[in-house]
N, C-alpha and C. Protein backbone atom coordinates (compact mmCIF):
# COMPACT_ATOMS: atom_id res chain seq x y z
N MET A 1 113.49 120.01 100.63
CA MET A 1 113.39 118.63 101.12
C MET A 1 114.77 117.98 101.05
N LYS A 2 115.22 117.44 102.15
CA LYS A 2 116.55 116.87 102.21
C LYS A 2 116.68 115.71 101.23
N GLY A 3 117.82 115.73 100.48
CA GLY A 3 118.09 114.64 99.56
C GLY A 3 117.40 114.78 98.22
N GLU A 4 116.63 115.84 98.02
CA GLU A 4 115.87 115.98 96.78
C GLU A 4 116.80 116.30 95.62
N ARG A 5 116.53 115.72 94.46
CA ARG A 5 117.28 115.99 93.25
C ARG A 5 116.31 116.45 92.19
N ASP A 6 116.83 117.11 91.19
CA ASP A 6 116.00 117.54 90.08
C ASP A 6 115.82 116.37 89.12
N HIS A 7 114.57 115.90 89.00
CA HIS A 7 114.26 114.78 88.12
C HIS A 7 113.10 115.17 87.22
N VAL A 8 113.10 114.64 86.03
CA VAL A 8 111.99 114.80 85.11
C VAL A 8 111.19 113.51 85.12
N ILE A 9 109.87 113.62 85.31
CA ILE A 9 109.00 112.45 85.27
C ILE A 9 108.48 112.29 83.85
N TYR A 10 108.77 111.15 83.24
CA TYR A 10 108.29 110.86 81.91
C TYR A 10 107.04 110.00 82.01
N GLY A 11 106.18 110.10 81.00
CA GLY A 11 104.94 109.33 81.03
C GLY A 11 103.82 110.14 81.65
N ARG A 12 102.65 109.53 81.68
CA ARG A 12 101.45 110.24 82.15
C ARG A 12 101.41 110.36 83.66
N ARG A 13 100.83 111.45 84.13
CA ARG A 13 100.53 111.60 85.55
C ARG A 13 99.03 111.48 85.80
N ARG A 14 98.24 111.67 84.75
CA ARG A 14 96.78 111.56 84.86
C ARG A 14 96.24 110.73 83.71
N GLY A 15 95.17 109.99 83.98
CA GLY A 15 94.49 109.23 82.96
C GLY A 15 93.07 109.72 82.80
N ARG A 16 92.16 108.80 82.56
CA ARG A 16 90.75 109.19 82.40
C ARG A 16 90.20 109.71 83.71
N GLN A 17 89.12 110.45 83.61
CA GLN A 17 88.51 111.05 84.80
C GLN A 17 88.09 109.97 85.79
N LEU A 18 88.39 110.23 87.05
CA LEU A 18 88.08 109.27 88.11
C LEU A 18 86.61 109.34 88.50
N ARG A 19 86.12 108.21 88.97
CA ARG A 19 84.77 108.19 89.54
C ARG A 19 84.76 108.99 90.83
N PRO A 20 83.60 109.53 91.22
CA PRO A 20 83.53 110.37 92.43
C PRO A 20 84.08 109.67 93.68
N GLY A 21 83.84 108.37 93.80
CA GLY A 21 84.32 107.66 94.99
C GLY A 21 85.83 107.65 95.09
N ARG A 22 86.50 107.51 93.97
CA ARG A 22 87.97 107.49 93.99
C ARG A 22 88.53 108.91 94.14
N GLU A 23 87.82 109.88 93.63
CA GLU A 23 88.23 111.27 93.88
C GLU A 23 88.18 111.55 95.38
N ARG A 24 87.15 111.03 96.05
CA ARG A 24 87.04 111.24 97.49
C ARG A 24 88.19 110.56 98.23
N LEU A 25 88.60 109.38 97.75
CA LEU A 25 89.72 108.71 98.40
C LEU A 25 91.00 109.53 98.28
N LEU A 26 91.22 110.14 97.13
CA LEU A 26 92.39 111.01 96.97
C LEU A 26 92.33 112.20 97.91
N HIS A 27 91.13 112.71 98.13
CA HIS A 27 90.96 113.88 98.99
C HIS A 27 91.01 113.51 100.47
N ASP A 28 90.39 112.38 100.84
CA ASP A 28 90.23 112.04 102.26
C ASP A 28 91.25 111.03 102.78
N LEU A 29 91.50 109.95 102.01
CA LEU A 29 92.36 108.89 102.51
C LEU A 29 93.84 109.14 102.23
N LEU A 30 94.16 109.68 101.06
CA LEU A 30 95.57 109.87 100.73
C LEU A 30 96.32 110.68 101.79
N PRO A 31 95.77 111.78 102.33
CA PRO A 31 96.51 112.51 103.37
C PRO A 31 96.82 111.66 104.60
N GLU A 32 96.03 110.62 104.85
CA GLU A 32 96.25 109.77 106.02
C GLU A 32 97.38 108.77 105.80
N VAL A 33 97.63 108.40 104.53
CA VAL A 33 98.61 107.35 104.26
C VAL A 33 99.82 107.86 103.47
N VAL A 34 99.87 109.14 103.17
CA VAL A 34 101.00 109.68 102.43
C VAL A 34 102.23 109.67 103.32
N VAL A 35 103.41 109.52 102.72
CA VAL A 35 104.64 109.53 103.51
C VAL A 35 104.83 110.91 104.12
N PRO A 36 105.55 111.01 105.24
CA PRO A 36 105.71 112.30 105.91
C PRO A 36 106.55 113.27 105.08
N THR A 37 106.46 114.54 105.43
CA THR A 37 107.21 115.56 104.71
C THR A 37 108.71 115.32 104.82
N ASP A 38 109.18 114.93 105.99
CA ASP A 38 110.59 114.64 106.19
C ASP A 38 110.85 113.20 105.81
N ILE A 39 111.13 112.97 104.53
CA ILE A 39 111.31 111.60 104.07
C ILE A 39 112.67 111.04 104.45
N SER A 40 113.51 111.85 105.10
CA SER A 40 114.78 111.32 105.57
C SER A 40 114.68 110.71 106.97
N SER A 41 113.48 110.79 107.58
CA SER A 41 113.28 110.18 108.90
C SER A 41 113.21 108.67 108.77
N PRO A 42 113.50 107.91 109.83
CA PRO A 42 113.46 106.45 109.73
C PRO A 42 112.10 105.96 109.26
N PRO A 43 112.03 105.20 108.16
CA PRO A 43 110.72 104.82 107.62
C PRO A 43 109.89 103.93 108.54
N GLU A 44 110.52 103.19 109.46
CA GLU A 44 109.73 102.36 110.36
C GLU A 44 108.87 103.21 111.30
N THR A 45 109.18 104.50 111.43
CA THR A 45 108.39 105.39 112.28
C THR A 45 107.19 105.96 111.56
N TRP A 46 107.03 105.67 110.29
CA TRP A 46 105.95 106.27 109.51
C TRP A 46 104.62 105.56 109.69
N PHE A 47 104.61 104.44 110.36
CA PHE A 47 103.42 103.58 110.35
C PHE A 47 102.60 103.66 111.62
N GLY A 48 103.07 104.35 112.62
CA GLY A 48 102.28 104.51 113.83
C GLY A 48 102.24 103.30 114.71
N GLU A 49 102.60 102.15 114.20
CA GLU A 49 102.67 100.91 114.96
C GLU A 49 104.01 100.26 114.64
N SER A 50 104.47 99.41 115.52
CA SER A 50 105.76 98.77 115.29
C SER A 50 105.67 97.82 114.10
N VAL A 51 106.66 97.88 113.23
CA VAL A 51 106.76 96.95 112.11
C VAL A 51 108.14 96.31 112.18
N ARG A 52 108.23 95.07 111.74
CA ARG A 52 109.50 94.36 111.85
C ARG A 52 110.42 94.66 110.68
N ASP A 53 109.86 95.20 109.59
CA ASP A 53 110.67 95.50 108.42
C ASP A 53 109.89 96.50 107.56
N VAL A 54 110.59 97.14 106.61
CA VAL A 54 109.97 98.08 105.68
C VAL A 54 110.41 97.71 104.28
N TRP A 55 109.43 97.54 103.38
CA TRP A 55 109.68 97.19 101.99
C TRP A 55 109.21 98.32 101.09
N LEU A 56 109.85 98.44 99.93
CA LEU A 56 109.61 99.56 99.01
C LEU A 56 109.26 99.04 97.63
N GLU A 57 108.18 99.57 97.06
CA GLU A 57 107.85 99.24 95.67
C GLU A 57 107.87 100.52 94.85
N VAL A 58 108.61 100.48 93.75
CA VAL A 58 108.76 101.63 92.86
C VAL A 58 107.88 101.43 91.64
N GLY A 59 106.96 102.37 91.42
CA GLY A 59 106.05 102.26 90.28
C GLY A 59 105.06 101.13 90.47
N PHE A 60 104.17 101.27 91.46
CA PHE A 60 103.28 100.14 91.81
C PHE A 60 102.10 99.97 90.87
N GLY A 61 101.95 100.83 89.87
CA GLY A 61 100.86 100.66 88.92
C GLY A 61 99.51 100.82 89.59
N ALA A 62 98.70 99.76 89.56
CA ALA A 62 97.41 99.79 90.24
C ALA A 62 97.50 99.30 91.68
N GLY A 63 98.68 98.86 92.10
CA GLY A 63 98.90 98.51 93.51
C GLY A 63 98.51 97.11 93.91
N GLU A 64 98.17 96.23 92.95
CA GLU A 64 97.68 94.90 93.34
C GLU A 64 98.77 94.06 93.99
N HIS A 65 100.00 94.17 93.52
CA HIS A 65 101.11 93.41 94.11
C HIS A 65 101.34 93.83 95.55
N MET A 66 101.44 95.13 95.79
CA MET A 66 101.73 95.62 97.13
C MET A 66 100.56 95.38 98.07
N ALA A 67 99.34 95.55 97.61
CA ALA A 67 98.18 95.32 98.46
C ALA A 67 98.11 93.86 98.90
N ALA A 68 98.43 92.94 97.98
CA ALA A 68 98.41 91.52 98.33
C ALA A 68 99.48 91.21 99.38
N LEU A 69 100.67 91.77 99.21
CA LEU A 69 101.73 91.54 100.19
C LEU A 69 101.38 92.16 101.54
N ALA A 70 100.83 93.35 101.51
CA ALA A 70 100.49 94.04 102.76
C ALA A 70 99.42 93.28 103.54
N ALA A 71 98.47 92.68 102.83
CA ALA A 71 97.44 91.90 103.50
C ALA A 71 98.02 90.61 104.08
N ALA A 72 98.98 90.02 103.37
CA ALA A 72 99.57 88.76 103.82
C ALA A 72 100.58 88.95 104.93
N GLN A 73 101.19 90.15 105.01
CA GLN A 73 102.25 90.38 105.98
C GLN A 73 102.00 91.71 106.72
N PRO A 74 101.03 91.72 107.61
CA PRO A 74 100.68 92.96 108.31
C PRO A 74 101.78 93.49 109.21
N GLU A 75 102.78 92.66 109.52
CA GLU A 75 103.88 93.11 110.38
C GLU A 75 104.97 93.84 109.59
N VAL A 76 104.83 93.92 108.27
CA VAL A 76 105.78 94.63 107.42
C VAL A 76 105.15 95.95 106.98
N GLY A 77 105.92 97.02 107.01
CA GLY A 77 105.46 98.29 106.48
C GLY A 77 105.84 98.41 105.01
N PHE A 78 104.91 98.90 104.18
CA PHE A 78 105.14 99.00 102.74
C PHE A 78 105.08 100.45 102.31
N ILE A 79 106.06 100.84 101.52
CA ILE A 79 106.09 102.17 100.91
C ILE A 79 105.94 101.99 99.41
N GLY A 80 104.94 102.64 98.84
CA GLY A 80 104.72 102.55 97.41
C GLY A 80 104.88 103.89 96.73
N CYS A 81 105.62 103.90 95.63
CA CYS A 81 105.85 105.13 94.86
C CYS A 81 105.14 105.01 93.51
N GLU A 82 104.37 106.03 93.18
CA GLU A 82 103.65 106.02 91.89
C GLU A 82 103.17 107.44 91.58
N PRO A 83 103.66 108.05 90.50
CA PRO A 83 103.21 109.40 90.17
C PRO A 83 101.89 109.44 89.40
N PHE A 84 101.43 108.28 88.88
CA PHE A 84 100.21 108.23 88.08
C PHE A 84 98.99 108.29 89.00
N ARG A 85 98.25 109.36 88.89
CA ARG A 85 97.13 109.64 89.81
C ARG A 85 96.10 108.53 89.83
N ASN A 86 95.78 107.98 88.68
CA ASN A 86 94.76 106.93 88.63
C ASN A 86 95.23 105.65 89.31
N GLY A 87 96.52 105.35 89.19
CA GLY A 87 97.07 104.19 89.89
C GLY A 87 97.02 104.38 91.39
N VAL A 88 97.34 105.58 91.86
CA VAL A 88 97.26 105.87 93.29
C VAL A 88 95.83 105.67 93.78
N ALA A 89 94.86 106.13 93.00
CA ALA A 89 93.47 105.99 93.40
C ALA A 89 93.06 104.52 93.49
N ARG A 90 93.54 103.70 92.58
CA ARG A 90 93.24 102.27 92.63
C ARG A 90 93.81 101.63 93.90
N LEU A 91 95.05 101.98 94.23
CA LEU A 91 95.63 101.44 95.46
C LEU A 91 94.84 101.90 96.68
N LEU A 92 94.46 103.16 96.70
CA LEU A 92 93.69 103.67 97.83
C LEU A 92 92.38 102.90 97.99
N ALA A 93 91.76 102.53 96.87
CA ALA A 93 90.53 101.73 96.95
C ALA A 93 90.81 100.38 97.61
N SER A 94 91.96 99.76 97.30
CA SER A 94 92.33 98.49 97.93
C SER A 94 92.62 98.67 99.41
N ILE A 95 93.32 99.75 99.76
CA ILE A 95 93.60 100.04 101.16
C ILE A 95 92.30 100.22 101.93
N ASP A 96 91.37 100.93 101.34
CA ASP A 96 90.10 101.21 102.00
C ASP A 96 89.26 99.95 102.16
N SER A 97 89.15 99.16 101.09
CA SER A 97 88.27 97.99 101.15
C SER A 97 88.83 96.90 102.05
N ALA A 98 90.16 96.76 102.09
CA ALA A 98 90.77 95.70 102.90
C ALA A 98 91.19 96.18 104.28
N GLY A 99 91.05 97.46 104.55
CA GLY A 99 91.44 98.00 105.85
C GLY A 99 92.93 97.89 106.12
N LEU A 100 93.73 98.08 105.09
CA LEU A 100 95.18 97.93 105.24
C LEU A 100 95.76 99.14 105.98
N ARG A 101 96.53 98.86 107.01
CA ARG A 101 97.11 99.92 107.83
C ARG A 101 98.62 100.05 107.66
N ASN A 102 99.21 99.19 106.86
CA ASN A 102 100.66 99.11 106.76
C ASN A 102 101.20 99.55 105.41
N ILE A 103 100.51 100.47 104.74
CA ILE A 103 100.98 101.01 103.46
C ILE A 103 101.08 102.53 103.57
N ARG A 104 102.19 103.07 103.06
CA ARG A 104 102.36 104.50 102.92
C ARG A 104 102.66 104.80 101.45
N VAL A 105 102.13 105.91 100.96
CA VAL A 105 102.16 106.22 99.54
C VAL A 105 102.99 107.48 99.28
N PHE A 106 103.85 107.39 98.30
CA PHE A 106 104.61 108.54 97.82
C PHE A 106 104.15 108.81 96.39
N PRO A 107 103.22 109.75 96.17
CA PRO A 107 102.63 109.94 94.85
C PRO A 107 103.46 110.86 93.96
N ASP A 108 104.72 110.54 93.83
CA ASP A 108 105.64 111.39 93.08
C ASP A 108 106.80 110.53 92.57
N ASP A 109 107.86 111.18 92.13
CA ASP A 109 109.01 110.50 91.55
C ASP A 109 109.73 109.68 92.61
N ALA A 110 109.81 108.38 92.40
CA ALA A 110 110.45 107.49 93.37
C ALA A 110 111.90 107.84 93.62
N ARG A 111 112.58 108.39 92.62
CA ARG A 111 114.00 108.69 92.78
C ARG A 111 114.24 109.73 93.86
N THR A 112 113.31 110.65 94.02
CA THR A 112 113.43 111.64 95.08
C THR A 112 113.38 110.98 96.45
N LEU A 113 112.46 110.03 96.61
CA LEU A 113 112.33 109.32 97.87
C LEU A 113 113.56 108.45 98.14
N ILE A 114 113.96 107.68 97.13
CA ILE A 114 115.08 106.75 97.31
C ILE A 114 116.35 107.51 97.71
N ALA A 115 116.57 108.66 97.09
CA ALA A 115 117.79 109.43 97.37
C ALA A 115 117.79 109.98 98.79
N ALA A 116 116.61 110.15 99.40
CA ALA A 116 116.53 110.77 100.72
C ALA A 116 116.40 109.78 101.86
N LEU A 117 116.05 108.53 101.57
CA LEU A 117 115.87 107.55 102.64
C LEU A 117 117.19 107.30 103.37
N PRO A 118 117.12 107.01 104.67
CA PRO A 118 118.34 106.70 105.42
C PRO A 118 119.02 105.44 104.90
N ALA A 119 120.31 105.36 105.09
CA ALA A 119 121.06 104.18 104.68
C ALA A 119 120.59 102.94 105.45
N ARG A 120 120.57 101.82 104.75
CA ARG A 120 120.24 100.51 105.34
C ARG A 120 118.89 100.54 106.07
N SER A 121 117.90 101.17 105.46
CA SER A 121 116.60 101.30 106.11
C SER A 121 115.51 100.43 105.46
N ILE A 122 115.82 99.76 104.34
CA ILE A 122 114.82 99.01 103.58
C ILE A 122 115.22 97.54 103.52
N GLY A 123 114.25 96.67 103.77
CA GLY A 123 114.52 95.24 103.80
C GLY A 123 114.24 94.51 102.49
N ARG A 124 113.49 95.13 101.59
CA ARG A 124 113.24 94.54 100.27
C ARG A 124 112.71 95.64 99.36
N ALA A 125 113.10 95.58 98.10
CA ALA A 125 112.64 96.58 97.13
C ALA A 125 112.19 95.89 95.86
N PHE A 126 111.19 96.48 95.22
CA PHE A 126 110.60 95.92 94.01
C PHE A 126 110.53 96.99 92.92
N VAL A 127 110.95 96.61 91.71
CA VAL A 127 110.70 97.42 90.51
C VAL A 127 110.16 96.45 89.47
N LEU A 128 108.85 96.41 89.34
CA LEU A 128 108.19 95.37 88.56
C LEU A 128 107.55 95.95 87.30
N PHE A 129 108.02 95.44 86.17
CA PHE A 129 107.49 95.83 84.86
C PHE A 129 107.49 97.34 84.65
N PRO A 130 108.64 97.98 84.87
CA PRO A 130 108.72 99.42 84.59
C PRO A 130 108.68 99.66 83.09
N ASP A 131 108.40 100.88 82.70
CA ASP A 131 108.40 101.24 81.28
C ASP A 131 109.78 100.93 80.71
N PRO A 132 109.87 100.10 79.66
CA PRO A 132 111.20 99.73 79.14
C PRO A 132 111.84 100.81 78.27
N TRP A 133 111.09 101.81 77.87
CA TRP A 133 111.64 102.85 76.98
C TRP A 133 112.57 102.19 75.95
N PRO A 134 112.00 101.44 75.01
CA PRO A 134 112.81 100.60 74.13
C PRO A 134 113.69 101.35 73.13
N LYS A 135 113.33 102.57 72.76
CA LYS A 135 114.16 103.29 71.79
C LYS A 135 115.46 103.74 72.45
N THR A 136 116.55 103.59 71.72
CA THR A 136 117.86 103.91 72.28
C THR A 136 117.93 105.33 72.82
N ARG A 137 117.33 106.27 72.14
CA ARG A 137 117.40 107.66 72.58
C ARG A 137 116.64 107.89 73.89
N HIS A 138 115.81 106.93 74.28
CA HIS A 138 115.02 107.06 75.51
C HIS A 138 115.60 106.24 76.67
N HIS A 139 116.71 105.55 76.47
CA HIS A 139 117.25 104.69 77.52
C HIS A 139 117.59 105.48 78.78
N ARG A 140 117.92 106.74 78.65
CA ARG A 140 118.24 107.55 79.83
C ARG A 140 117.02 107.74 80.73
N ARG A 141 115.84 107.45 80.22
CA ARG A 141 114.62 107.57 81.02
C ARG A 141 114.37 106.35 81.91
N ARG A 142 115.10 105.28 81.70
CA ARG A 142 114.86 104.04 82.44
C ARG A 142 115.16 104.24 83.93
N ILE A 143 114.36 103.58 84.77
CA ILE A 143 114.54 103.69 86.22
C ILE A 143 115.77 102.91 86.68
N ILE A 144 116.08 101.80 86.01
CA ILE A 144 117.25 101.02 86.40
C ILE A 144 118.47 101.55 85.65
N VAL A 145 119.18 102.45 86.29
CA VAL A 145 120.41 103.03 85.76
C VAL A 145 121.42 103.07 86.91
N ALA A 146 122.66 103.43 86.59
CA ALA A 146 123.72 103.36 87.59
C ALA A 146 123.40 104.20 88.83
N GLU A 147 122.89 105.41 88.64
CA GLU A 147 122.63 106.29 89.78
C GLU A 147 121.58 105.69 90.72
N THR A 148 120.49 105.20 90.16
CA THR A 148 119.43 104.63 90.99
C THR A 148 119.90 103.36 91.69
N LEU A 149 120.68 102.54 91.01
CA LEU A 149 121.19 101.33 91.64
C LEU A 149 122.13 101.64 92.79
N CYS A 150 122.91 102.70 92.67
CA CYS A 150 123.75 103.12 93.80
C CYS A 150 122.89 103.53 94.99
N ASP A 151 121.77 104.19 94.71
CA ASP A 151 120.86 104.57 95.79
C ASP A 151 120.20 103.34 96.41
N PHE A 152 119.82 102.37 95.58
CA PHE A 152 119.26 101.13 96.12
C PHE A 152 120.30 100.43 97.00
N ALA A 153 121.54 100.36 96.54
CA ALA A 153 122.59 99.71 97.32
C ALA A 153 122.77 100.41 98.67
N ARG A 154 122.59 101.71 98.69
CA ARG A 154 122.77 102.46 99.93
C ARG A 154 121.63 102.22 100.92
N ILE A 155 120.38 102.17 100.43
CA ILE A 155 119.24 102.09 101.36
C ILE A 155 118.90 100.66 101.76
N LEU A 156 119.34 99.66 100.99
CA LEU A 156 119.00 98.28 101.31
C LEU A 156 119.96 97.74 102.37
N ARG A 157 119.39 97.01 103.32
CA ARG A 157 120.20 96.39 104.36
C ARG A 157 121.00 95.22 103.76
N GLN A 158 122.07 94.86 104.41
CA GLN A 158 122.82 93.68 104.00
C GLN A 158 121.90 92.46 104.02
N GLY A 159 121.89 91.71 102.94
CA GLY A 159 121.03 90.55 102.83
C GLY A 159 119.64 90.85 102.29
N ALA A 160 119.31 92.14 102.12
CA ALA A 160 117.99 92.51 101.58
C ALA A 160 117.90 92.13 100.12
N GLU A 161 116.66 91.95 99.64
CA GLU A 161 116.44 91.58 98.25
C GLU A 161 116.01 92.78 97.42
N LEU A 162 116.50 92.79 96.19
CA LEU A 162 116.01 93.69 95.15
C LEU A 162 115.37 92.81 94.09
N ARG A 163 114.08 93.02 93.84
CA ARG A 163 113.36 92.19 92.87
C ARG A 163 112.97 93.05 91.67
N LEU A 164 113.33 92.58 90.48
CA LEU A 164 113.06 93.27 89.23
C LEU A 164 112.33 92.32 88.30
N ALA A 165 111.45 92.85 87.47
CA ALA A 165 110.74 92.01 86.50
C ALA A 165 110.43 92.81 85.26
N SER A 166 110.39 92.11 84.12
CA SER A 166 110.03 92.75 82.86
C SER A 166 109.63 91.68 81.85
N ASP A 167 108.85 92.11 80.86
CA ASP A 167 108.53 91.23 79.74
C ASP A 167 109.26 91.70 78.48
N ASP A 168 110.14 92.68 78.62
CA ASP A 168 110.93 93.20 77.51
C ASP A 168 112.35 92.64 77.64
N MET A 169 112.73 91.74 76.73
CA MET A 169 114.00 91.03 76.89
C MET A 169 115.20 91.97 76.77
N GLY A 170 115.08 93.03 75.99
CA GLY A 170 116.15 94.00 75.93
C GLY A 170 116.36 94.68 77.26
N TYR A 171 115.26 95.01 77.92
CA TYR A 171 115.36 95.65 79.23
C TYR A 171 115.83 94.66 80.29
N VAL A 172 115.43 93.39 80.17
CA VAL A 172 115.91 92.37 81.10
C VAL A 172 117.44 92.29 81.06
N ARG A 173 117.99 92.23 79.86
CA ARG A 173 119.45 92.18 79.74
C ARG A 173 120.09 93.45 80.31
N TRP A 174 119.46 94.59 80.06
CA TRP A 174 119.96 95.87 80.60
C TRP A 174 119.96 95.84 82.13
N MET A 175 118.84 95.41 82.73
CA MET A 175 118.73 95.40 84.18
C MET A 175 119.75 94.46 84.80
N LEU A 176 119.90 93.28 84.20
CA LEU A 176 120.84 92.30 84.74
C LEU A 176 122.27 92.83 84.65
N SER A 177 122.63 93.38 83.50
CA SER A 177 123.98 93.89 83.31
C SER A 177 124.28 95.05 84.25
N HIS A 178 123.37 96.01 84.35
CA HIS A 178 123.62 97.19 85.18
C HIS A 178 123.64 96.84 86.66
N THR A 179 122.78 95.92 87.09
CA THR A 179 122.75 95.56 88.51
C THR A 179 124.01 94.82 88.92
N LEU A 180 124.46 93.89 88.09
CA LEU A 180 125.69 93.17 88.42
C LEU A 180 126.91 94.09 88.35
N LYS A 181 126.88 95.04 87.42
CA LYS A 181 128.00 95.97 87.29
C LYS A 181 128.13 96.86 88.52
N ASN A 182 127.03 97.07 89.23
CA ASN A 182 127.07 97.90 90.43
C ASN A 182 128.03 97.35 91.48
N GLY A 183 128.08 96.02 91.60
CA GLY A 183 128.97 95.39 92.56
C GLY A 183 128.39 95.19 93.93
N GLY A 184 127.22 95.76 94.18
CA GLY A 184 126.61 95.63 95.50
C GLY A 184 125.55 94.55 95.59
N PHE A 185 125.37 93.80 94.49
CA PHE A 185 124.28 92.83 94.45
C PHE A 185 124.75 91.48 93.91
N GLU A 186 124.18 90.43 94.46
CA GLU A 186 124.43 89.06 94.00
C GLU A 186 123.15 88.54 93.36
N TRP A 187 123.24 88.06 92.13
CA TRP A 187 122.09 87.46 91.45
C TRP A 187 121.83 86.09 92.06
N LEU A 188 120.59 85.84 92.47
CA LEU A 188 120.27 84.64 93.22
C LEU A 188 119.89 83.46 92.34
N ALA A 189 119.84 83.63 91.04
CA ALA A 189 119.43 82.53 90.16
C ALA A 189 120.51 81.46 90.09
N ARG A 190 120.09 80.21 90.16
CA ARG A 190 121.00 79.08 90.03
C ARG A 190 120.60 78.16 88.88
N LYS A 191 119.37 78.30 88.40
CA LYS A 191 118.89 77.50 87.29
C LYS A 191 117.86 78.32 86.51
N PRO A 192 117.56 77.97 85.25
CA PRO A 192 116.65 78.78 84.43
C PRO A 192 115.29 79.04 85.07
N ALA A 193 114.76 78.07 85.79
CA ALA A 193 113.44 78.25 86.41
C ALA A 193 113.45 79.41 87.41
N ASP A 194 114.62 79.74 87.94
CA ASP A 194 114.70 80.80 88.94
C ASP A 194 114.37 82.17 88.35
N TRP A 195 114.55 82.35 87.05
CA TRP A 195 114.15 83.63 86.45
C TRP A 195 112.96 83.50 85.50
N ARG A 196 112.62 82.28 85.15
CA ARG A 196 111.48 82.09 84.25
C ARG A 196 110.16 81.95 84.99
N CYS A 197 110.21 81.56 86.26
CA CYS A 197 109.00 81.31 87.03
C CYS A 197 108.91 82.29 88.20
N ARG A 198 107.76 82.88 88.38
CA ARG A 198 107.56 83.79 89.50
C ARG A 198 107.49 82.99 90.79
N PRO A 199 108.30 83.37 91.81
CA PRO A 199 108.29 82.64 93.08
C PRO A 199 106.92 82.68 93.75
N PRO A 200 106.60 81.70 94.59
CA PRO A 200 105.28 81.63 95.24
C PRO A 200 104.96 82.85 96.12
N ASP A 201 105.99 83.48 96.68
CA ASP A 201 105.73 84.62 97.57
C ASP A 201 105.74 85.95 96.82
N TRP A 202 105.59 85.90 95.50
CA TRP A 202 105.65 87.08 94.64
C TRP A 202 104.30 87.24 93.95
N PRO A 203 103.37 88.02 94.49
CA PRO A 203 102.04 88.15 93.89
C PRO A 203 102.12 88.71 92.47
N PRO A 204 101.21 88.30 91.60
CA PRO A 204 101.23 88.79 90.22
C PRO A 204 100.78 90.25 90.14
N THR A 205 101.15 90.89 89.04
CA THR A 205 100.67 92.23 88.76
C THR A 205 99.71 92.18 87.57
N ARG A 206 98.92 93.20 87.43
CA ARG A 206 97.98 93.26 86.31
C ARG A 206 98.72 93.29 84.98
N TYR A 207 99.81 94.05 84.93
CA TYR A 207 100.57 94.14 83.69
C TYR A 207 101.14 92.78 83.32
N GLU A 208 101.67 92.07 84.30
CA GLU A 208 102.22 90.74 84.05
C GLU A 208 101.15 89.81 83.49
N SER A 209 99.96 89.83 84.08
CA SER A 209 98.88 88.95 83.63
C SER A 209 98.51 89.25 82.19
N LYS A 210 98.51 90.53 81.81
CA LYS A 210 98.19 90.89 80.43
C LYS A 210 99.28 90.38 79.48
N ALA A 211 100.53 90.52 79.90
CA ALA A 211 101.63 90.05 79.06
C ALA A 211 101.55 88.54 78.85
N LEU A 212 101.34 87.80 79.93
CA LEU A 212 101.23 86.35 79.82
C LEU A 212 100.03 85.96 78.97
N GLY A 213 98.94 86.72 79.07
CA GLY A 213 97.76 86.45 78.27
C GLY A 213 98.00 86.64 76.78
N ARG A 214 98.98 87.49 76.44
CA ARG A 214 99.35 87.69 75.04
C ARG A 214 100.39 86.69 74.58
N GLY A 215 100.79 85.79 75.48
CA GLY A 215 101.81 84.81 75.14
C GLY A 215 103.23 85.33 75.24
N VAL A 216 103.43 86.43 75.96
CA VAL A 216 104.75 87.03 76.11
C VAL A 216 105.39 86.49 77.39
N ASP A 217 106.63 86.05 77.29
CA ASP A 217 107.35 85.55 78.47
C ASP A 217 107.74 86.70 79.39
N CYS A 218 107.73 86.42 80.68
CA CYS A 218 108.16 87.39 81.68
C CYS A 218 109.39 86.83 82.39
N VAL A 219 110.25 87.74 82.85
CA VAL A 219 111.47 87.35 83.55
C VAL A 219 111.46 87.98 84.93
N TYR A 220 111.84 87.18 85.94
CA TYR A 220 111.81 87.60 87.34
C TYR A 220 113.23 87.51 87.90
N LEU A 221 113.80 88.65 88.24
CA LEU A 221 115.18 88.71 88.71
C LEU A 221 115.22 89.02 90.20
N ARG A 222 115.96 88.22 90.94
CA ARG A 222 116.13 88.43 92.38
C ARG A 222 117.61 88.63 92.68
N PHE A 223 117.90 89.71 93.39
CA PHE A 223 119.26 90.02 93.80
C PHE A 223 119.32 90.19 95.31
N ARG A 224 120.45 89.81 95.89
CA ARG A 224 120.68 90.03 97.33
C ARG A 224 121.73 91.12 97.50
N ARG A 225 121.44 92.05 98.41
CA ARG A 225 122.42 93.08 98.74
C ARG A 225 123.56 92.41 99.49
N ASN A 226 124.74 92.49 98.91
CA ASN A 226 125.87 91.80 99.52
C ASN A 226 126.67 92.73 100.43
N ALA A 227 127.70 92.21 101.01
CA ALA A 227 128.49 92.98 101.98
C ALA A 227 129.77 93.54 101.36
N VAL A 228 129.91 93.41 100.03
CA VAL A 228 131.16 93.82 99.39
C VAL A 228 131.21 95.32 99.19
N ALA A 229 130.11 95.90 98.64
CA ALA A 229 130.11 97.32 98.31
C ALA A 229 129.36 98.12 99.36
């Protein structure tokens, strides 16, 4: 596969046994919405219908954020990456129940997809509440690292947004520092509310709701792909 790199996936790929209906979705629906074998082809051609833009979500969890956006913006094509089988099944259930036609699923390591996508092919990207891997010896497992940010800078169009979120303040500082160090992104915050409050066009995630329910603050970072790098 063009652009493929050797990556190790950390964390679970399977959870509790799925109900028969969701097993059927993995068998019947996933082949219809999975990204094509040639992931280096222009992503706007993956949807069978014309789309005005293509957005990417890395680690979509149960898919509630992407499903909400896809329903609200049917003219945008959405690519979701998630290696956790149960999360993929949850998203497929949302696709099936809402009749969403503008989502494609990559049920594997997002880094493989990001490295192979054509340059300047993505209009917005999301990495929301990724595993913070808080122990220092595990920091190399984090998705937001120099290599991945270089790939994001390559695939995002000029002016495109990269949206990051976390409830782990150590990881928030890490993400902010590494993204700004890349040189290809401008942080869009101008006042504290810009990172403390989720914007109206940013649907909540299940993980975020649980964190807020525990009284844990969440941080929302928005970056624009600039024309410098």
